[in-house]
C-alpha cells in the first residue's frame, strides 16, 4: 500500500494528522475523479450527467424541474442548464415548459435515456464496488461515518 507521503513525494512527516487527513482526502477525491474517465470512454457521459439521469429516473415517469434536481445532486453543477442542454442534445431527456406555469421547466427521461441508464448503472456500481473492494463492509461503513462527521 502506498501512503499519501509517497504519492506526493513528501519527505517530511505532516506537522498535523488532521492536515494529513485533509490532503489525503483531496488527493483521493481527485484520483477518483480521474478514474471516472471510464464513464466518458464507455458511455460518453460524465459522472454529473449520470447523477442527473439517475435523479430524473427516480421521478420517472413523472417530470422533475431543474431546481429539484439541483437540490439532490451529489456534485452540484454550477450550470445545470448547460448540463441538461447536453442531455437534451444527446436525446437522453426531454424538456418542456409547463402548460400551467410558463416559468416552470419539466424534464423527463426519453426511452434512449432509460436504456442508457439500464446499461450504465450496473457498470458504475461494479466499478465502485471493485474500487472499494479492499475495504471490509465495516471499514466502508466507518469511512462513510467519518466523512459524515467531517461535514457536520
N, C-alpha and C. Protein backbone atom coordinates (compact mmCIF):
# COMPACT_ATOMS: atom_id res chain seq x y z
N UNK A 1 0.86 -1.19 0.00
CA UNK A 1 0.00 0.00 0.00
C UNK A 1 0.90 1.25 0.00
N UNK A 2 0.56 2.17 -0.86
CA UNK A 2 1.30 3.43 -0.96
C UNK A 2 0.67 4.46 -0.04
N UNK A 3 1.49 5.23 0.64
CA UNK A 3 0.98 6.26 1.53
C UNK A 3 0.85 7.59 0.80
N UNK A 4 0.13 8.52 1.39
CA UNK A 4 -0.03 9.85 0.80
C UNK A 4 1.33 10.53 0.69
N UNK A 5 2.18 10.33 1.66
CA UNK A 5 3.51 10.95 1.61
C UNK A 5 4.28 10.50 0.36
N UNK A 6 4.21 9.21 0.06
CA UNK A 6 4.90 8.70 -1.13
C UNK A 6 4.23 9.21 -2.40
N UNK A 7 2.92 9.27 -2.40
CA UNK A 7 2.18 9.72 -3.59
C UNK A 7 2.53 11.15 -3.98
N UNK A 8 2.74 12.00 -2.98
CA UNK A 8 3.02 13.41 -3.28
C UNK A 8 4.51 13.75 -3.10
N UNK A 9 5.33 12.71 -2.97
CA UNK A 9 6.78 12.88 -2.82
C UNK A 9 7.16 13.80 -1.67
N UNK A 10 6.51 13.59 -0.55
CA UNK A 10 6.80 14.39 0.64
C UNK A 10 7.81 13.63 1.49
N UNK A 11 8.89 14.28 1.82
CA UNK A 11 9.96 13.62 2.58
C UNK A 11 9.83 13.80 4.08
N UNK A 12 9.11 14.82 4.51
CA UNK A 12 8.91 15.06 5.95
C UNK A 12 7.51 14.63 6.35
N UNK A 13 7.36 14.30 7.62
CA UNK A 13 6.03 13.98 8.14
C UNK A 13 5.16 15.23 8.14
N UNK A 14 3.87 15.02 8.04
CA UNK A 14 2.93 16.13 8.18
C UNK A 14 3.04 16.66 9.60
N UNK A 15 2.92 17.97 9.77
CA UNK A 15 3.02 18.53 11.11
C UNK A 15 1.75 18.33 11.92
N UNK A 16 0.67 17.93 11.25
CA UNK A 16 -0.60 17.71 11.96
C UNK A 16 -1.36 16.59 11.25
N UNK A 17 -1.87 15.62 11.99
CA UNK A 17 -2.56 14.48 11.38
C UNK A 17 -3.86 14.92 10.69
N UNK A 18 -4.47 16.00 11.15
CA UNK A 18 -5.70 16.49 10.51
C UNK A 18 -5.39 17.10 9.15
N UNK A 19 -4.25 17.78 9.05
CA UNK A 19 -3.82 18.32 7.76
C UNK A 19 -3.51 17.16 6.81
N UNK A 20 -2.87 16.13 7.33
CA UNK A 20 -2.58 14.95 6.53
C UNK A 20 -3.88 14.33 6.02
N UNK A 21 -4.86 14.20 6.89
CA UNK A 21 -6.15 13.62 6.51
C UNK A 21 -6.82 14.47 5.43
N UNK A 22 -6.76 15.79 5.57
CA UNK A 22 -7.35 16.69 4.59
C UNK A 22 -6.67 16.52 3.22
N UNK A 23 -5.34 16.56 3.21
CA UNK A 23 -4.58 16.41 1.96
C UNK A 23 -4.90 15.06 1.33
N UNK A 24 -4.94 14.03 2.14
CA UNK A 24 -5.23 12.69 1.65
C UNK A 24 -6.64 12.62 1.04
N UNK A 25 -7.60 13.24 1.69
CA UNK A 25 -8.98 13.26 1.20
C UNK A 25 -9.06 13.95 -0.16
N UNK A 26 -8.44 15.12 -0.29
CA UNK A 26 -8.46 15.87 -1.54
C UNK A 26 -7.72 15.10 -2.64
N UNK A 27 -6.57 14.54 -2.31
CA UNK A 27 -5.79 13.76 -3.28
C UNK A 27 -6.60 12.56 -3.76
N UNK A 28 -7.24 11.87 -2.83
CA UNK A 28 -8.04 10.69 -3.17
C UNK A 28 -9.26 11.07 -4.00
N UNK A 29 -9.91 12.18 -3.65
CA UNK A 29 -11.05 12.67 -4.43
C UNK A 29 -10.64 12.91 -5.88
N UNK A 30 -9.52 13.59 -6.07
CA UNK A 30 -9.03 13.87 -7.43
C UNK A 30 -8.66 12.58 -8.16
N UNK A 31 -8.10 11.64 -7.45
CA UNK A 31 -7.78 10.33 -8.03
C UNK A 31 -9.05 9.63 -8.51
N UNK A 32 -10.08 9.64 -7.69
CA UNK A 32 -11.35 9.01 -8.06
C UNK A 32 -12.01 9.74 -9.23
N UNK A 33 -11.90 11.06 -9.28
CA UNK A 33 -12.45 11.81 -10.41
C UNK A 33 -11.78 11.40 -11.72
N UNK A 34 -10.47 11.25 -11.69
CA UNK A 34 -9.75 10.81 -12.90
C UNK A 34 -10.23 9.44 -13.33
N UNK A 35 -10.53 8.60 -12.36
CA UNK A 35 -10.98 7.25 -12.67
C UNK A 35 -12.36 7.25 -13.31
N UNK A 36 -13.12 8.32 -13.15
CA UNK A 36 -14.44 8.40 -13.76
C UNK A 36 -14.37 8.53 -15.28
N UNK A 37 -13.16 8.60 -15.80
CA UNK A 37 -12.97 8.65 -17.24
C UNK A 37 -13.60 7.43 -17.91
N UNK A 38 -13.74 6.33 -17.18
CA UNK A 38 -14.35 5.14 -17.75
C UNK A 38 -15.78 5.41 -18.20
N UNK A 39 -16.47 6.33 -17.53
CA UNK A 39 -17.83 6.68 -17.95
C UNK A 39 -17.81 7.36 -19.32
N UNK A 40 -16.88 8.31 -19.47
CA UNK A 40 -16.78 9.01 -20.75
C UNK A 40 -16.35 8.05 -21.85
N UNK A 41 -15.37 7.22 -21.55
CA UNK A 41 -14.84 6.29 -22.55
C UNK A 41 -15.87 5.24 -22.96
N UNK A 42 -16.63 4.73 -22.01
CA UNK A 42 -17.55 3.62 -22.29
C UNK A 42 -18.97 4.05 -22.62
N UNK A 43 -19.37 5.22 -22.11
CA UNK A 43 -20.77 5.61 -22.29
C UNK A 43 -20.95 7.03 -22.82
N UNK A 44 -19.86 7.76 -23.01
CA UNK A 44 -19.97 9.13 -23.50
C UNK A 44 -20.66 10.04 -22.51
N UNK A 45 -20.51 9.76 -21.23
CA UNK A 45 -21.21 10.51 -20.19
C UNK A 45 -20.26 10.85 -19.05
N UNK A 46 -20.54 11.96 -18.37
CA UNK A 46 -19.78 12.33 -17.18
C UNK A 46 -20.51 11.82 -15.94
N UNK A 47 -19.82 11.85 -14.80
CA UNK A 47 -20.45 11.43 -13.56
C UNK A 47 -21.62 12.35 -13.22
N UNK A 48 -21.47 13.67 -13.49
CA UNK A 48 -22.57 14.59 -13.23
C UNK A 48 -23.77 14.25 -14.10
N UNK A 49 -23.55 13.95 -15.37
CA UNK A 49 -24.66 13.58 -16.24
C UNK A 49 -25.34 12.31 -15.74
N UNK A 50 -24.52 11.33 -15.34
CA UNK A 50 -25.07 10.09 -14.81
C UNK A 50 -25.92 10.37 -13.57
N UNK A 51 -25.41 11.22 -12.68
CA UNK A 51 -26.14 11.57 -11.45
C UNK A 51 -27.48 12.22 -11.79
N UNK A 52 -27.47 13.15 -12.75
CA UNK A 52 -28.72 13.82 -13.14
C UNK A 52 -29.70 12.83 -13.75
N UNK A 53 -29.20 11.94 -14.60
CA UNK A 53 -30.09 10.93 -15.19
C UNK A 53 -30.71 10.05 -14.11
N UNK A 54 -29.92 9.66 -13.11
CA UNK A 54 -30.44 8.83 -12.02
C UNK A 54 -31.51 9.59 -11.21
N UNK A 55 -31.28 10.88 -10.99
CA UNK A 55 -32.25 11.70 -10.25
C UNK A 55 -33.56 11.77 -11.03
N UNK A 56 -33.46 12.03 -12.33
CA UNK A 56 -34.67 12.11 -13.16
C UNK A 56 -35.38 10.77 -13.18
N UNK A 57 -34.61 9.69 -13.24
CA UNK A 57 -35.22 8.35 -13.24
C UNK A 57 -35.98 8.09 -11.94
N UNK A 58 -35.48 8.65 -10.85
CA UNK A 58 -36.15 8.48 -9.56
C UNK A 58 -37.57 9.04 -9.54
N UNK A 59 -37.87 9.97 -10.41
CA UNK A 59 -39.21 10.54 -10.53
C UNK A 59 -40.01 9.95 -11.69
N UNK A 60 -39.33 9.22 -12.56
CA UNK A 60 -39.93 8.68 -13.77
C UNK A 60 -41.17 7.84 -13.48
N UNK A 61 -42.25 7.98 -14.17
CA UNK A 61 -42.45 8.74 -15.41
C UNK A 61 -42.89 10.19 -15.18
N UNK A 62 -42.97 10.60 -13.92
CA UNK A 62 -43.35 11.99 -13.63
C UNK A 62 -42.21 12.93 -14.00
N UNK A 63 -42.51 14.15 -14.41
CA UNK A 63 -41.45 15.11 -14.71
C UNK A 63 -40.85 15.69 -13.43
N UNK A 64 -39.67 16.25 -13.56
CA UNK A 64 -39.00 16.92 -12.45
C UNK A 64 -38.47 18.24 -12.98
N UNK A 65 -38.34 19.24 -12.11
CA UNK A 65 -37.81 20.53 -12.56
C UNK A 65 -36.35 20.67 -12.14
N UNK A 66 -35.61 21.54 -12.83
CA UNK A 66 -34.18 21.68 -12.54
C UNK A 66 -33.87 22.03 -11.08
N UNK A 67 -34.71 22.82 -10.43
CA UNK A 67 -34.47 23.17 -9.03
C UNK A 67 -34.43 21.95 -8.14
N UNK A 68 -35.36 21.03 -8.37
CA UNK A 68 -35.40 19.79 -7.57
C UNK A 68 -34.19 18.91 -7.87
N UNK A 69 -33.75 18.91 -9.13
CA UNK A 69 -32.56 18.13 -9.49
C UNK A 69 -31.35 18.66 -8.74
N UNK A 70 -31.18 19.98 -8.77
CA UNK A 70 -30.01 20.60 -8.15
C UNK A 70 -29.98 20.34 -6.64
N UNK A 71 -31.15 20.29 -6.00
CA UNK A 71 -31.23 20.05 -4.55
C UNK A 71 -30.58 18.74 -4.15
N UNK A 72 -30.69 17.72 -4.99
CA UNK A 72 -30.25 16.39 -4.58
C UNK A 72 -29.02 15.89 -5.32
N UNK A 73 -28.42 16.73 -6.16
CA UNK A 73 -27.21 16.30 -6.87
C UNK A 73 -26.08 16.03 -5.89
N UNK A 74 -25.31 15.00 -6.16
CA UNK A 74 -24.16 14.68 -5.32
C UNK A 74 -23.09 15.74 -5.49
N UNK A 75 -22.79 16.06 -6.74
CA UNK A 75 -21.82 17.12 -7.05
C UNK A 75 -22.60 18.24 -7.73
N UNK A 76 -22.80 19.32 -7.00
CA UNK A 76 -23.62 20.42 -7.51
C UNK A 76 -23.01 21.00 -8.78
N UNK A 77 -23.79 21.05 -9.83
CA UNK A 77 -23.32 21.61 -11.11
C UNK A 77 -23.54 23.11 -11.09
N UNK A 78 -22.48 23.88 -11.34
CA UNK A 78 -22.66 25.33 -11.33
C UNK A 78 -23.59 25.80 -12.45
N UNK A 79 -23.62 25.07 -13.56
CA UNK A 79 -24.50 25.44 -14.65
C UNK A 79 -25.32 24.23 -15.08
N UNK A 80 -26.33 23.93 -14.29
CA UNK A 80 -27.19 22.78 -14.55
C UNK A 80 -27.90 22.92 -15.89
N UNK A 81 -28.22 24.15 -16.28
CA UNK A 81 -28.92 24.36 -17.55
C UNK A 81 -28.11 23.80 -18.71
N UNK A 82 -26.81 24.10 -18.75
CA UNK A 82 -25.97 23.58 -19.84
C UNK A 82 -25.84 22.06 -19.78
N UNK A 83 -25.76 21.52 -18.56
CA UNK A 83 -25.68 20.07 -18.41
C UNK A 83 -26.95 19.43 -18.98
N UNK A 84 -28.10 20.00 -18.66
CA UNK A 84 -29.37 19.48 -19.19
C UNK A 84 -29.43 19.68 -20.71
N UNK A 85 -28.92 20.81 -21.19
CA UNK A 85 -28.84 21.04 -22.64
C UNK A 85 -28.11 19.90 -23.34
N UNK A 86 -26.99 19.47 -22.74
CA UNK A 86 -26.21 18.38 -23.34
C UNK A 86 -27.01 17.07 -23.34
N UNK A 87 -27.76 16.83 -22.28
CA UNK A 87 -28.58 15.62 -22.21
C UNK A 87 -29.72 15.67 -23.23
N UNK A 88 -30.29 16.85 -23.44
CA UNK A 88 -31.33 17.02 -24.46
C UNK A 88 -30.74 16.77 -25.84
N UNK A 89 -29.57 17.35 -26.10
CA UNK A 89 -28.90 17.19 -27.40
C UNK A 89 -28.60 15.71 -27.68
N UNK A 90 -28.25 14.96 -26.64
CA UNK A 90 -27.98 13.53 -26.79
C UNK A 90 -29.27 12.71 -26.86
N UNK A 91 -30.40 13.40 -26.73
CA UNK A 91 -31.74 12.78 -26.76
C UNK A 91 -31.95 11.80 -25.59
N UNK A 92 -31.33 12.12 -24.45
CA UNK A 92 -31.49 11.28 -23.26
C UNK A 92 -32.61 11.78 -22.36
N UNK A 93 -32.90 13.09 -22.45
CA UNK A 93 -34.00 13.68 -21.69
C UNK A 93 -34.82 14.57 -22.62
N UNK A 94 -36.05 14.82 -22.19
CA UNK A 94 -36.95 15.73 -22.90
C UNK A 94 -37.26 16.87 -21.94
N UNK A 95 -37.26 18.10 -22.46
CA UNK A 95 -37.51 19.28 -21.63
C UNK A 95 -38.63 20.09 -22.28
N UNK A 96 -39.55 20.59 -21.44
CA UNK A 96 -40.61 21.45 -21.94
C UNK A 96 -41.13 22.35 -20.83
N UNK A 97 -41.78 23.44 -21.24
CA UNK A 97 -42.36 24.37 -20.28
C UNK A 97 -43.73 23.85 -19.85
N UNK A 98 -44.02 24.02 -18.59
CA UNK A 98 -45.30 23.60 -18.04
C UNK A 98 -46.43 24.42 -18.67
N UNK A 99 -47.53 23.76 -18.96
CA UNK A 99 -48.69 24.47 -19.51
C UNK A 99 -49.34 25.36 -18.46
N UNK A 100 -49.27 24.95 -17.20
CA UNK A 100 -49.90 25.71 -16.11
C UNK A 100 -49.05 26.89 -15.63
N UNK A 101 -47.73 26.73 -15.71
CA UNK A 101 -46.81 27.76 -15.24
C UNK A 101 -45.68 27.88 -16.25
N UNK A 102 -45.73 28.88 -17.10
CA UNK A 102 -44.77 29.02 -18.20
C UNK A 102 -43.33 29.22 -17.72
N UNK A 103 -43.15 29.55 -16.44
CA UNK A 103 -41.79 29.70 -15.91
C UNK A 103 -41.21 28.37 -15.45
N UNK A 104 -42.05 27.37 -15.27
CA UNK A 104 -41.59 26.06 -14.79
C UNK A 104 -41.16 25.18 -15.96
N UNK A 105 -39.99 24.60 -15.82
CA UNK A 105 -39.45 23.67 -16.82
C UNK A 105 -39.64 22.24 -16.29
N UNK A 106 -40.12 21.38 -17.14
CA UNK A 106 -40.28 19.97 -16.80
C UNK A 106 -39.26 19.14 -17.58
N UNK A 107 -38.74 18.12 -16.94
CA UNK A 107 -37.76 17.25 -17.56
C UNK A 107 -38.13 15.81 -17.26
N UNK A 108 -38.08 14.97 -18.31
CA UNK A 108 -38.28 13.52 -18.15
C UNK A 108 -37.24 12.79 -18.99
N UNK A 109 -37.06 11.53 -18.68
CA UNK A 109 -36.16 10.69 -19.47
C UNK A 109 -36.85 10.25 -20.75
N UNK A 110 -36.06 10.12 -21.80
CA UNK A 110 -36.54 9.50 -23.03
C UNK A 110 -36.28 8.00 -22.92
N UNK A 111 -36.79 7.24 -23.86
CA UNK A 111 -36.51 5.81 -23.86
C UNK A 111 -35.01 5.58 -24.03
N UNK A 112 -34.36 6.40 -24.84
CA UNK A 112 -32.91 6.30 -25.03
C UNK A 112 -32.18 6.53 -23.71
N UNK A 113 -32.67 7.49 -22.90
CA UNK A 113 -32.08 7.75 -21.59
C UNK A 113 -32.28 6.58 -20.64
N UNK A 114 -33.48 6.02 -20.66
CA UNK A 114 -33.76 4.85 -19.82
C UNK A 114 -32.86 3.67 -20.21
N UNK A 115 -32.72 3.46 -21.51
CA UNK A 115 -31.88 2.35 -21.98
C UNK A 115 -30.42 2.55 -21.57
N UNK A 116 -29.92 3.79 -21.71
CA UNK A 116 -28.54 4.07 -21.33
C UNK A 116 -28.34 3.82 -19.83
N UNK A 117 -29.27 4.29 -19.02
CA UNK A 117 -29.16 4.07 -17.57
C UNK A 117 -29.17 2.59 -17.22
N UNK A 118 -29.99 1.83 -17.92
CA UNK A 118 -30.06 0.39 -17.66
C UNK A 118 -28.71 -0.27 -17.95
N UNK A 119 -28.01 0.25 -18.95
CA UNK A 119 -26.70 -0.29 -19.29
C UNK A 119 -25.62 0.25 -18.35
N UNK A 120 -25.70 1.55 -18.02
CA UNK A 120 -24.65 2.19 -17.22
C UNK A 120 -24.68 1.81 -15.75
N UNK A 121 -25.85 1.75 -15.17
CA UNK A 121 -25.97 1.58 -13.72
C UNK A 121 -25.19 0.39 -13.17
N UNK A 122 -25.34 -0.80 -13.75
CA UNK A 122 -24.55 -1.92 -13.23
C UNK A 122 -23.05 -1.72 -13.41
N UNK A 123 -22.64 -1.10 -14.52
CA UNK A 123 -21.21 -0.88 -14.76
C UNK A 123 -20.64 0.10 -13.74
N UNK A 124 -21.37 1.17 -13.45
CA UNK A 124 -20.91 2.15 -12.46
C UNK A 124 -20.86 1.51 -11.07
N UNK A 125 -21.92 0.80 -10.73
CA UNK A 125 -21.96 0.14 -9.42
C UNK A 125 -20.81 -0.85 -9.27
N UNK A 126 -20.58 -1.66 -10.27
CA UNK A 126 -19.48 -2.64 -10.21
C UNK A 126 -18.13 -1.95 -10.13
N UNK A 127 -17.97 -0.84 -10.85
CA UNK A 127 -16.71 -0.11 -10.82
C UNK A 127 -16.39 0.35 -9.40
N UNK A 128 -17.38 0.93 -8.73
CA UNK A 128 -17.12 1.43 -7.37
C UNK A 128 -17.03 0.31 -6.35
N UNK A 129 -17.78 -0.75 -6.53
CA UNK A 129 -17.62 -1.90 -5.63
C UNK A 129 -16.20 -2.44 -5.74
N UNK A 130 -15.70 -2.53 -6.98
CA UNK A 130 -14.34 -3.01 -7.19
C UNK A 130 -13.32 -2.04 -6.60
N UNK A 131 -13.54 -0.74 -6.80
CA UNK A 131 -12.61 0.28 -6.31
C UNK A 131 -12.50 0.22 -4.78
N UNK A 132 -13.58 -0.08 -4.13
CA UNK A 132 -13.61 -0.11 -2.67
C UNK A 132 -13.57 -1.53 -2.12
N UNK A 133 -13.22 -2.50 -2.95
CA UNK A 133 -13.25 -3.90 -2.53
C UNK A 133 -12.21 -4.23 -1.46
N UNK A 134 -11.16 -3.42 -1.36
CA UNK A 134 -10.15 -3.69 -0.34
C UNK A 134 -10.64 -3.31 1.05
N UNK A 135 -11.79 -2.62 1.12
CA UNK A 135 -12.38 -2.29 2.42
C UNK A 135 -13.40 -3.35 2.81
N UNK A 136 -13.39 -3.72 4.07
CA UNK A 136 -14.45 -4.60 4.56
C UNK A 136 -15.74 -3.78 4.65
N UNK A 137 -16.86 -4.46 4.82
CA UNK A 137 -18.13 -3.75 4.99
C UNK A 137 -18.05 -2.80 6.18
N UNK A 138 -17.43 -3.27 7.26
CA UNK A 138 -17.29 -2.45 8.46
C UNK A 138 -16.42 -1.21 8.19
N UNK A 139 -15.33 -1.39 7.46
CA UNK A 139 -14.46 -0.25 7.14
C UNK A 139 -15.16 0.75 6.22
N UNK A 140 -15.91 0.24 5.25
CA UNK A 140 -16.64 1.13 4.34
C UNK A 140 -17.68 1.94 5.12
N UNK A 141 -18.36 1.29 6.05
CA UNK A 141 -19.34 1.98 6.89
C UNK A 141 -18.65 3.01 7.78
N UNK A 142 -17.50 2.64 8.33
CA UNK A 142 -16.73 3.55 9.17
C UNK A 142 -16.27 4.76 8.36
N UNK A 143 -15.81 4.54 7.14
CA UNK A 143 -15.39 5.64 6.28
C UNK A 143 -16.55 6.59 6.03
N UNK A 144 -17.71 6.06 5.71
CA UNK A 144 -18.90 6.91 5.49
C UNK A 144 -19.25 7.69 6.74
N UNK A 145 -19.18 7.04 7.89
CA UNK A 145 -19.48 7.72 9.16
C UNK A 145 -18.50 8.85 9.42
N UNK A 146 -17.22 8.59 9.18
CA UNK A 146 -16.20 9.62 9.39
C UNK A 146 -16.39 10.80 8.43
N UNK A 147 -16.73 10.53 7.19
CA UNK A 147 -16.97 11.60 6.23
C UNK A 147 -18.20 12.42 6.62
N UNK A 148 -19.24 11.73 7.10
CA UNK A 148 -20.42 12.44 7.61
C UNK A 148 -20.03 13.35 8.76
N UNK A 149 -19.19 12.83 9.65
CA UNK A 149 -18.77 13.58 10.83
C UNK A 149 -17.99 14.84 10.45
N UNK A 150 -17.17 14.74 9.40
CA UNK A 150 -16.41 15.90 8.95
C UNK A 150 -17.34 17.00 8.44
N UNK A 151 -18.39 16.60 7.72
CA UNK A 151 -19.30 17.59 7.13
C UNK A 151 -20.15 18.31 8.18
N UNK A 152 -20.40 17.68 9.31
CA UNK A 152 -21.34 18.31 10.28
C UNK A 152 -20.78 18.47 11.64
